[in-house]
Amino acid sequence: MKIIALIPARSGSKSVPRKNIRKLCGKPLLSYAIQTALESVLIDRVIVTTDNKEIADIAKKYGAEVPFLRPKEISGDYALDIEFHQHAIDWLQENENYTPDLIVNLRPTNPIRSPITVDKAIQTLIDNPDMDSLRSVRISEFSPFKMWTIPRSGVLEPIASEVEFHEPYNMPRQLLPVCYWQDGYVDVTKYMTIVEKKSTTGRNIIPFLIEEESIDIDYEESIQQVENILSGKPKNDGIKAISFSEKNKRNPS
């Protein structure tokens, strides 16, 4: 089985300028994702997809392949994951006659990762051949059943509903279903899911529960927090793949 890590690192970033090459503890942010992928036992190739030559040069310095530059039209603020996945696998097929079986998406904005955890995620998908993909999640601090949208009418509309409950937004949190947040730690997708379903997830997605400490950097205030963790990072090994047959549990009090 051929498994590649695909690390997306476009040049544009509004919230944290030059985020992907921002120094954290003396190393560019991008290098942490590369290091995790290189230390993985199951990943065969580590490829950075970027539209920027400076980022490409830094990625190569830290051991990643950058066989192509990503087109600008799929590198903007509204670019979709499926676009750079399709571009990468198409390029590898056309230029190297290489077709991966699994694509591991390691976003550089999440620098606190364990290669052991990444390998467990990959193996989980391998062990479940009927599934389309795997996505890491963690228990959400906030329940969507308590969230609202304000449409043009100006009248509050609930984001989520549940046929089992009447007015879930008025119920105690402890009685509502446990909800999970996709945390960007690791996503693993089958090649055929991308090609046949034009999706990086498909319909059958394995939930891979992350319980270890991790931060996805979206804003400037996260930088110092991550540096504090990286400089004295505790041992993290809390990982769990959620059983497909597991029914929704109630939140603990």
C-alpha atoms as a PDB file:
ATOM      1  CA  MET A   1       0.000   0.000   0.000  1.00  0.00           C
ATOM      2  CA  LYS A   2       1.355   3.410  -1.039  1.00  0.00           C
ATOM      3  CA  ILE A   3       0.676   6.195   1.442  1.00  0.00           C
ATOM      4  CA  ILE A   4       1.569   9.855   0.989  1.00  0.00           C
ATOM      5  CA  ALA A   5       1.360  12.777   3.362  1.00  0.00           C
ATOM      6  CA  LEU A   6       0.027  15.871   1.647  1.00  0.00           C
ATOM      7  CA  ILE A   7       0.876  19.078   3.525  1.00  0.00           C
ATOM      8  CA  PRO A   8      -0.967  22.174   2.238  1.00  0.00           C
ATOM      9  CA  ALA A   9       0.958  25.415   2.698  1.00  0.00           C
ATOM     10  CA  ARG A  10      -0.331  28.259   0.570  1.00  0.00           C
ATOM     11  CA  SER A  11       1.248  31.706   0.817  1.00  0.00           C
ATOM     12  CA  GLY A  12      -1.799  33.766   1.711  1.00  0.00           C
ATOM     13  CA  SER A  13      -2.898  34.158   5.323  1.00  0.00           C
ATOM     14  CA  LYS A  14      -4.943  37.057   6.613  1.00  0.00           C
ATOM     15  CA  SER A  15      -5.119  36.230  10.334  1.00  0.00           C
ATOM     16  CA  VAL A  16      -1.397  35.485  10.787  1.00  0.00           C
ATOM     17  CA  PRO A  17       0.746  36.867   7.917  1.00  0.00           C
ATOM     18  CA  ARG A  18       3.225  34.331   6.458  1.00  0.00           C
ATOM     19  CA  LYS A  19       1.798  31.837   8.936  1.00  0.00           C
ATOM     20  CA  ASN A  20       3.171  28.657   7.386  1.00  0.00           C
ATOM     21  CA  ILE A  21       6.778  29.836   7.714  1.00  0.00           C
ATOM     22  CA  ARG A  22       6.329  31.734  10.982  1.00  0.00           C
ATOM     23  CA  LYS A  23       9.021  30.727  13.473  1.00  0.00           C
ATOM     24  CA  LEU A  24       7.918  28.739  16.525  1.00  0.00           C
ATOM     25  CA  CYS A  25      10.723  27.871  18.941  1.00  0.00           C
ATOM     26  CA  GLY A  26      13.195  28.734  16.203  1.00  0.00           C
ATOM     27  CA  LYS A  27      11.648  26.537  13.472  1.00  0.00           C
ATOM     28  CA  PRO A  28       9.098  27.425  10.777  1.00  0.00           C
ATOM     29  CA  LEU A  29       5.570  26.238  11.501  1.00  0.00           C
ATOM     30  CA  LEU A  30       5.586  24.124   8.352  1.00  0.00           C
ATOM     31  CA  SER A  31       8.546  22.072   9.580  1.00  0.00           C
ATOM     32  CA  TYR A  32       6.568  20.460  12.406  1.00  0.00           C
ATOM     33  CA  ALA A  33       4.102  18.793  10.044  1.00  0.00           C
ATOM     34  CA  ILE A  34       6.985  17.649   7.844  1.00  0.00           C
ATOM     35  CA  GLN A  35       8.839  16.187  10.822  1.00  0.00           C
ATOM     36  CA  THR A  36       5.739  14.297  11.985  1.00  0.00           C
ATOM     37  CA  ALA A  37       5.234  12.820   8.516  1.00  0.00           C
ATOM     38  CA  LEU A  38       8.907  11.837   8.177  1.00  0.00           C
ATOM     39  CA  GLU A  39       8.807  10.082  11.552  1.00  0.00           C
ATOM     40  CA  SER A  40       5.690   8.114  10.603  1.00  0.00           C
ATOM     41  CA  VAL A  41       6.290   4.412  10.035  1.00  0.00           C
ATOM     42  CA  LEU A  42       3.481   4.070   7.480  1.00  0.00           C
ATOM     43  CA  ILE A  43       3.896   7.184   5.333  1.00  0.00           C
ATOM     44  CA  ASP A  44       6.036   6.597   2.226  1.00  0.00           C
ATOM     45  CA  ARG A  45       6.293  10.103   0.795  1.00  0.00           C
ATOM     46  CA  VAL A  46       5.980  13.590   2.286  1.00  0.00           C
ATOM     47  CA  ILE A  47       4.776  16.147  -0.248  1.00  0.00           C
ATOM     48  CA  VAL A  48       4.152  19.832   0.369  1.00  0.00           C
ATOM     49  CA  THR A  49       1.647  21.488  -1.947  1.00  0.00           C
ATOM     50  CA  THR A  50       2.261  25.237  -2.139  1.00  0.00           C
ATOM     51  CA  ASP A  51       1.950  28.114  -4.569  1.00  0.00           C
ATOM     52  CA  ASN A  52       5.042  29.882  -3.201  1.00  0.00           C
ATOM     53  CA  LYS A  53       8.716  29.259  -4.047  1.00  0.00           C
ATOM     54  CA  GLU A  54       9.995  30.498  -0.674  1.00  0.00           C
ATOM     55  CA  ILE A  55       7.743  28.042   1.125  1.00  0.00           C
ATOM     56  CA  ALA A  56       8.818  25.324  -1.307  1.00  0.00           C
ATOM     57  CA  ASP A  57      12.507  25.955  -0.570  1.00  0.00           C
ATOM     58  CA  ILE A  58      11.908  25.825   3.193  1.00  0.00           C
ATOM     59  CA  ALA A  59       9.897  22.615   2.833  1.00  0.00           C
ATOM     60  CA  LYS A  60      12.733  20.976   0.901  1.00  0.00           C
ATOM     61  CA  LYS A  61      15.231  22.109   3.522  1.00  0.00           C
ATOM     62  CA  TYR A  62      13.291  20.183   6.164  1.00  0.00           C
ATOM     63  CA  GLY A  63      13.052  17.025   4.081  1.00  0.00           C
ATOM     64  CA  ALA A  64       9.789  17.241   2.152  1.00  0.00           C
ATOM     65  CA  GLU A  65       9.279  16.797  -1.565  1.00  0.00           C
ATOM     66  CA  VAL A  66       7.902  19.708  -3.555  1.00  0.00           C
ATOM     67  CA  PRO A  67       7.579  18.251  -7.045  1.00  0.00           C
ATOM     68  CA  PHE A  68       5.238  20.993  -8.269  1.00  0.00           C
ATOM     69  CA  LEU A  69       3.904  24.440  -7.430  1.00  0.00           C
ATOM     70  CA  ARG A  70       0.167  24.627  -6.870  1.00  0.00           C
ATOM     71  CA  PRO A  71      -1.724  26.889  -9.319  1.00  0.00           C
ATOM     72  CA  LYS A  72      -2.797  30.254  -7.902  1.00  0.00           C
ATOM     73  CA  GLU A  73      -6.439  29.626  -8.829  1.00  0.00           C
ATOM     74  CA  ILE A  74      -6.673  26.833  -6.244  1.00  0.00           C
ATOM     75  CA  SER A  75      -4.557  28.568  -3.599  1.00  0.00           C
ATOM     76  CA  GLY A  76      -6.791  31.439  -2.481  1.00  0.00           C
ATOM     77  CA  ASP A  77      -8.772  32.031   0.690  1.00  0.00           C
ATOM     78  CA  TYR A  78     -11.702  30.016  -0.630  1.00  0.00           C
ATOM     79  CA  ALA A  79      -9.744  27.102  -2.087  1.00  0.00           C
ATOM     80  CA  LEU A  80     -11.164  23.692  -1.217  1.00  0.00           C
ATOM     81  CA  ASP A  81      -9.269  20.671   0.068  1.00  0.00           C
ATOM     82  CA  ILE A  82     -10.562  18.562  -2.822  1.00  0.00           C
ATOM     83  CA  GLU A  83      -8.897  20.927  -5.296  1.00  0.00           C
ATOM     84  CA  PHE A  84      -5.339  20.538  -4.054  1.00  0.00           C
ATOM     85  CA  HIS A  85      -5.873  16.814  -3.488  1.00  0.00           C
ATOM     86  CA  GLN A  86      -7.015  16.330  -7.088  1.00  0.00           C
ATOM     87  CA  HIS A  87      -4.202  18.504  -8.414  1.00  0.00           C
ATOM     88  CA  ALA A  88      -1.569  16.539  -6.494  1.00  0.00           C
ATOM     89  CA  ILE A  89      -2.731  13.064  -7.493  1.00  0.00           C
ATOM     90  CA  ASP A  90      -3.265  14.135 -11.110  1.00  0.00           C
ATOM     91  CA  TRP A  91       0.271  15.552 -11.269  1.00  0.00           C
ATOM     92  CA  LEU A  92       1.789  12.411  -9.749  1.00  0.00           C
ATOM     93  CA  GLN A  93      -0.061  10.205 -12.214  1.00  0.00           C
ATOM     94  CA  GLU A  94       0.795  12.271 -15.268  1.00  0.00           C
ATOM     95  CA  ASN A  95       4.434  12.975 -14.409  1.00  0.00           C
ATOM     96  CA  GLU A  96       5.534   9.938 -12.390  1.00  0.00           C
ATOM     97  CA  ASN A  97       2.914   7.292 -13.180  1.00  0.00           C
ATOM     98  CA  TYR A  98       2.455   7.113  -9.414  1.00  0.00           C
ATOM     99  CA  THR A  99      -0.892   6.444  -7.738  1.00  0.00           C
ATOM    100  CA  PRO A 100      -1.147   6.491  -3.920  1.00  0.00           C
ATOM    101  CA  ASP A 101      -3.641   4.312  -2.089  1.00  0.00           C
ATOM    102  CA  LEU A 102      -4.096   6.673   0.855  1.00  0.00           C
ATOM    103  CA  ILE A 103      -3.591  10.431   1.200  1.00  0.00           C
ATOM    104  CA  VAL A 104      -2.875  11.780   4.684  1.00  0.00           C
ATOM    105  CA  ASN A 105      -3.727  15.461   5.056  1.00  0.00           C
ATOM    106  CA  LEU A 106      -1.474  17.092   7.669  1.00  0.00           C
ATOM    107  CA  ARG A 107      -2.271  20.772   7.945  1.00  0.00           C
ATOM    108  CA  PRO A 108       0.791  22.728   9.119  1.00  0.00           C
ATOM    109  CA  THR A 109      -1.380  24.897  11.378  1.00  0.00           C
ATOM    110  CA  ASN A 110      -1.486  22.067  13.919  1.00  0.00           C
ATOM    111  CA  PRO A 111       2.156  21.668  15.015  1.00  0.00           C
ATOM    112  CA  ILE A 112       1.573  19.540  18.110  1.00  0.00           C
ATOM    113  CA  ARG A 113       1.225  16.043  16.719  1.00  0.00           C
ATOM    114  CA  SER A 114       2.558  12.596  17.481  1.00  0.00           C
ATOM    115  CA  PRO A 115       3.660  10.392  14.549  1.00  0.00           C
ATOM    116  CA  ILE A 116       2.384   7.442  16.599  1.00  0.00           C
ATOM    117  CA  THR A 117      -1.087   8.989  16.629  1.00  0.00           C
ATOM    118  CA  VAL A 118      -0.918   9.659  12.898  1.00  0.00           C
ATOM    119  CA  ASP A 119       0.080   6.042  12.249  1.00  0.00           C
ATOM    120  CA  LYS A 120      -2.791   4.789  14.402  1.00  0.00           C
ATOM    121  CA  ALA A 121      -5.189   6.904  12.352  1.00  0.00           C
ATOM    122  CA  ILE A 122      -3.806   5.504   9.095  1.00  0.00           C
ATOM    123  CA  GLN A 123      -3.966   1.936  10.372  1.00  0.00           C
ATOM    124  CA  THR A 124      -7.563   2.460  11.513  1.00  0.00           C
ATOM    125  CA  LEU A 125      -8.620   3.293   7.958  1.00  0.00           C
ATOM    126  CA  ILE A 126      -6.596   0.388   6.560  1.00  0.00           C
ATOM    127  CA  ASP A 127      -8.403  -1.929   8.976  1.00  0.00           C
ATOM    128  CA  ASN A 128     -11.792  -0.691   7.774  1.00  0.00           C
ATOM    129  CA  PRO A 129     -11.818  -1.285   4.006  1.00  0.00           C
ATOM    130  CA  ASP A 130     -15.496  -0.364   3.613  1.00  0.00           C
ATOM    131  CA  MET A 131     -14.925   3.188   4.840  1.00  0.00           C
ATOM    132  CA  ASP A 132     -14.197   6.174   2.568  1.00  0.00           C
ATOM    133  CA  SER A 133     -12.021   8.213   4.907  1.00  0.00           C
ATOM    134  CA  LEU A 134     -11.030   9.026   8.467  1.00  0.00           C
ATOM    135  CA  ARG A 135     -11.297  12.388  10.199  1.00  0.00           C
ATOM    136  CA  SER A 136      -9.947  13.348  13.601  1.00  0.00           C
ATOM    137  CA  VAL A 137     -12.412  14.892  16.019  1.00  0.00           C
ATOM    138  CA  ARG A 138     -12.566  15.920  19.647  1.00  0.00           C
ATOM    139  CA  ILE A 139     -15.483  16.496  22.001  1.00  0.00           C
ATOM    140  CA  SER A 140     -16.822  19.984  21.368  1.00  0.00           C
ATOM    141  CA  GLU A 141     -16.783  22.480  24.194  1.00  0.00           C
ATOM    142  CA  PHE A 142     -19.933  24.085  22.799  1.00  0.00           C
ATOM    143  CA  SER A 143     -23.095  22.326  21.658  1.00  0.00           C
ATOM    144  CA  PRO A 144     -24.594  23.240  18.266  1.00  0.00           C
ATOM    145  CA  PHE A 145     -27.986  22.649  19.883  1.00  0.00           C
ATOM    146  CA  LYS A 146     -27.352  25.886  21.796  1.00  0.00           C
ATOM    147  CA  MET A 147     -26.347  27.859  18.691  1.00  0.00           C
ATOM    148  CA  TRP A 148     -28.401  30.159  16.492  1.00  0.00           C
ATOM    149  CA  THR A 149     -28.329  31.927  13.161  1.00  0.00           C
ATOM    150  CA  ILE A 150     -29.956  35.251  12.337  1.00  0.00           C
ATOM    151  CA  PRO A 151     -31.498  35.186   8.835  1.00  0.00           C
ATOM    152  CA  ARG A 152     -32.746  38.239   6.957  1.00  0.00           C
ATOM    153  CA  SER A 153     -36.017  38.064   8.850  1.00  0.00           C
ATOM    154  CA  GLY A 154     -34.095  39.018  12.000  1.00  0.00           C
ATOM    155  CA  VAL A 155     -35.736  36.188  13.940  1.00  0.00           C
ATOM    156  CA  LEU A 156     -33.442  33.688  15.674  1.00  0.00           C
ATOM    157  CA  GLU A 157     -33.289  30.264  14.029  1.00  0.00           C
ATOM    158  CA  PRO A 158     -31.631  27.270  15.744  1.00  0.00           C
ATOM    159  CA  ILE A 159     -28.585  25.825  13.980  1.00  0.00           C
ATOM    160  CA  ALA A 160     -29.328  22.224  14.949  1.00  0.00           C
ATOM    161  CA  SER A 161     -32.449  20.260  15.713  1.00  0.00           C
ATOM    162  CA  GLU A 162     -33.126  16.773  17.020  1.00  0.00           C
ATOM    163  CA  VAL A 163     -36.414  14.964  16.415  1.00  0.00           C
ATOM    164  CA  GLU A 164     -36.025  13.195  19.752  1.00  0.00           C
ATOM    165  CA  PHE A 165     -36.158  16.474  21.646  1.00  0.00           C
ATOM    166  CA  HIS A 166     -38.610  19.347  21.846  1.00  0.00           C
ATOM    167  CA  GLU A 167     -36.737  22.660  21.842  1.00  0.00           C
ATOM    168  CA  PRO A 168     -33.271  21.241  22.583  1.00  0.00           C
ATOM    169  CA  TYR A 169     -31.920  24.791  23.018  1.00  0.00           C
ATOM    170  CA  ASN A 170     -34.026  25.016  26.175  1.00  0.00           C
ATOM    171  CA  MET A 171     -32.760  21.714  27.584  1.00  0.00           C
ATOM    172  CA  PRO A 172     -29.907  21.134  30.037  1.00  0.00           C
ATOM    173  CA  ARG A 173     -26.617  20.496  28.251  1.00  0.00           C
ATOM    174  CA  GLN A 174     -26.239  17.182  30.084  1.00  0.00           C
ATOM    175  CA  LEU A 175     -29.292  15.775  28.292  1.00  0.00           C
ATOM    176  CA  LEU A 176     -28.134  16.665  24.775  1.00  0.00           C
ATOM    177  CA  PRO A 177     -26.127  14.382  22.473  1.00  0.00           C
ATOM    178  CA  VAL A 178     -22.352  14.543  22.680  1.00  0.00           C
ATOM    179  CA  CYS A 179     -21.056  16.578  19.726  1.00  0.00           C
ATOM    180  CA  TYR A 180     -17.644  16.452  18.087  1.00  0.00           C
ATOM    181  CA  TRP A 181     -15.492  19.155  16.503  1.00  0.00           C
ATOM    182  CA  GLN A 182     -13.237  18.361  13.536  1.00  0.00           C
ATOM    183  CA  ASP A 183      -9.909  19.521  14.872  1.00  0.00           C
ATOM    184  CA  GLY A 184      -7.563  19.290  11.856  1.00  0.00           C
ATOM    185  CA  TYR A 185      -5.133  16.929  13.586  1.00  0.00           C
ATOM    186  CA  VAL A 186      -5.188  14.355  10.791  1.00  0.00           C
ATOM    187  CA  ASP A 187      -7.428  13.358   7.885  1.00  0.00           C
ATOM    188  CA  VAL A 188      -6.873  10.202   5.846  1.00  0.00           C
ATOM    189  CA  THR A 189      -8.618   9.654   2.511  1.00  0.00           C
ATOM    190  CA  LYS A 190      -8.669   6.776   0.081  1.00  0.00           C
ATOM    191  CA  TYR A 191      -7.550   7.514  -3.453  1.00  0.00           C
ATOM    192  CA  MET A 192     -10.787   6.112  -4.857  1.00  0.00           C
ATOM    193  CA  THR A 193     -12.841   8.434  -2.652  1.00  0.00           C
ATOM    194  CA  ILE A 194     -11.166  11.428  -4.281  1.00  0.00           C
ATOM    195  CA  VAL A 195     -11.401  10.067  -7.818  1.00  0.00           C
ATOM    196  CA  GLU A 196     -14.842   8.465  -7.779  1.00  0.00           C
ATOM    197  CA  LYS A 197     -16.707  10.602  -5.255  1.00  0.00           C
ATOM    198  CA  LYS A 198     -14.925  13.899  -5.913  1.00  0.00           C
ATOM    199  CA  SER A 199     -14.579  14.315  -2.160  1.00  0.00           C
ATOM    200  CA  THR A 200     -11.914  14.150   0.526  1.00  0.00           C
ATOM    201  CA  THR A 201     -14.344  12.436   2.901  1.00  0.00           C
ATOM    202  CA  GLY A 202     -17.039  10.553   1.019  1.00  0.00           C
ATOM    203  CA  ARG A 203     -20.071   9.423   3.006  1.00  0.00           C
ATOM    204  CA  ASN A 204     -18.562   6.791   5.302  1.00  0.00           C
ATOM    205  CA  ILE A 205     -16.158   8.631   7.580  1.00  0.00           C
ATOM    206  CA  ILE A 206     -14.390   6.994  10.509  1.00  0.00           C
ATOM    207  CA  PRO A 207     -14.359   9.259  13.589  1.00  0.00           C
ATOM    208  CA  PHE A 208     -10.920   9.259  15.195  1.00  0.00           C
ATOM    209  CA  LEU A 209     -11.191  10.772  18.656  1.00  0.00           C
ATOM    210  CA  ILE A 210      -8.253  12.917  19.766  1.00  0.00           C
ATOM    211  CA  GLU A 211      -7.908  13.424  23.505  1.00  0.00           C
ATOM    212  CA  GLU A 212      -4.339  14.688  23.625  1.00  0.00           C
ATOM    213  CA  GLU A 213      -3.412  18.351  23.774  1.00  0.00           C
ATOM    214  CA  SER A 214      -3.388  20.092  20.398  1.00  0.00           C
ATOM    215  CA  ILE A 215      -3.906  23.605  19.051  1.00  0.00           C
ATOM    216  CA  ASP A 216      -4.857  24.667  15.537  1.00  0.00           C
ATOM    217  CA  ILE A 217      -3.246  28.052  14.864  1.00  0.00           C
ATOM    218  CA  ASP A 218      -5.704  30.466  13.309  1.00  0.00           C
ATOM    219  CA  TYR A 219      -4.916  33.661  15.182  1.00  0.00           C
ATOM    220  CA  GLU A 220      -1.895  35.511  16.525  1.00  0.00           C
ATOM    221  CA  GLU A 221      -2.754  34.816  20.161  1.00  0.00           C
ATOM    222  CA  SER A 222      -2.315  31.079  19.558  1.00  0.00           C
ATOM    223  CA  ILE A 223       1.388  31.476  18.711  1.00  0.00           C
ATOM    224  CA  GLN A 224       2.648  32.014  22.269  1.00  0.00           C
ATOM    225  CA  GLN A 225       0.372  29.312  23.617  1.00  0.00           C
ATOM    226  CA  VAL A 226       1.794  26.782  21.159  1.00  0.00           C
ATOM    227  CA  GLU A 227       5.381  27.849  21.869  1.00  0.00           C
ATOM    228  CA  ASN A 228       4.805  27.302  25.583  1.00  0.00           C
ATOM    229  CA  ILE A 229       3.598  23.767  24.889  1.00  0.00           C
ATOM    230  CA  LEU A 230       6.396  22.988  22.422  1.00  0.00           C
ATOM    231  CA  SER A 231       9.077  24.148  24.830  1.00  0.00           C
ATOM    232  CA  GLY A 232       7.850  21.807  27.572  1.00  0.00           C
ATOM    233  CA  LYS A 233       5.437  19.483  25.864  1.00  0.00           C
ATOM    234  CA  PRO A 234       3.985  16.750  28.099  1.00  0.00           C
ATOM    235  CA  LYS A 235       3.620  13.173  26.943  1.00  0.00           C
ATOM    236  CA  ASN A 236       0.339  12.782  25.068  1.00  0.00           C
ATOM    237  CA  ASP A 237      -1.087   9.412  24.149  1.00  0.00           C
ATOM    238  CA  GLY A 238      -4.852   9.802  24.465  1.00  0.00           C
ATOM    239  CA  ILE A 239      -6.293   8.478  21.224  1.00  0.00           C
ATOM    240  CA  LYS A 240      -9.358   6.512  20.346  1.00  0.00           C
ATOM    241  CA  ALA A 241     -11.246   5.500  17.216  1.00  0.00           C
ATOM    242  CA  ILE A 242     -14.971   5.737  17.951  1.00  0.00           C
ATOM    243  CA  SER A 243     -16.888   2.527  17.302  1.00  0.00           C
ATOM    244  CA  PHE A 244     -19.327   2.803  14.393  1.00  0.00           C
ATOM    245  CA  SER A 245     -21.988   1.012  16.390  1.00  0.00           C
ATOM    246  CA  GLU A 246     -21.595   3.282  19.374  1.00  0.00           C
ATOM    247  CA  LYS A 247     -24.810   5.187  19.945  1.00  0.00           C
ATOM    248  CA  ASN A 248     -24.917   8.836  20.923  1.00  0.00           C
ATOM    249  CA  LYS A 249     -24.169   9.155  24.598  1.00  0.00           C
ATOM    250  CA  ARG A 250     -25.294  11.923  26.897  1.00  0.00           C
ATOM    251  CA  ASN A 251     -22.810  14.518  28.011  1.00  0.00           C
ATOM    252  CA  PRO A 252     -21.381  13.943  31.489  1.00  0.00           C
ATOM    253  CA  SER A 253     -22.519  16.379  34.142  1.00  0.00           C
END
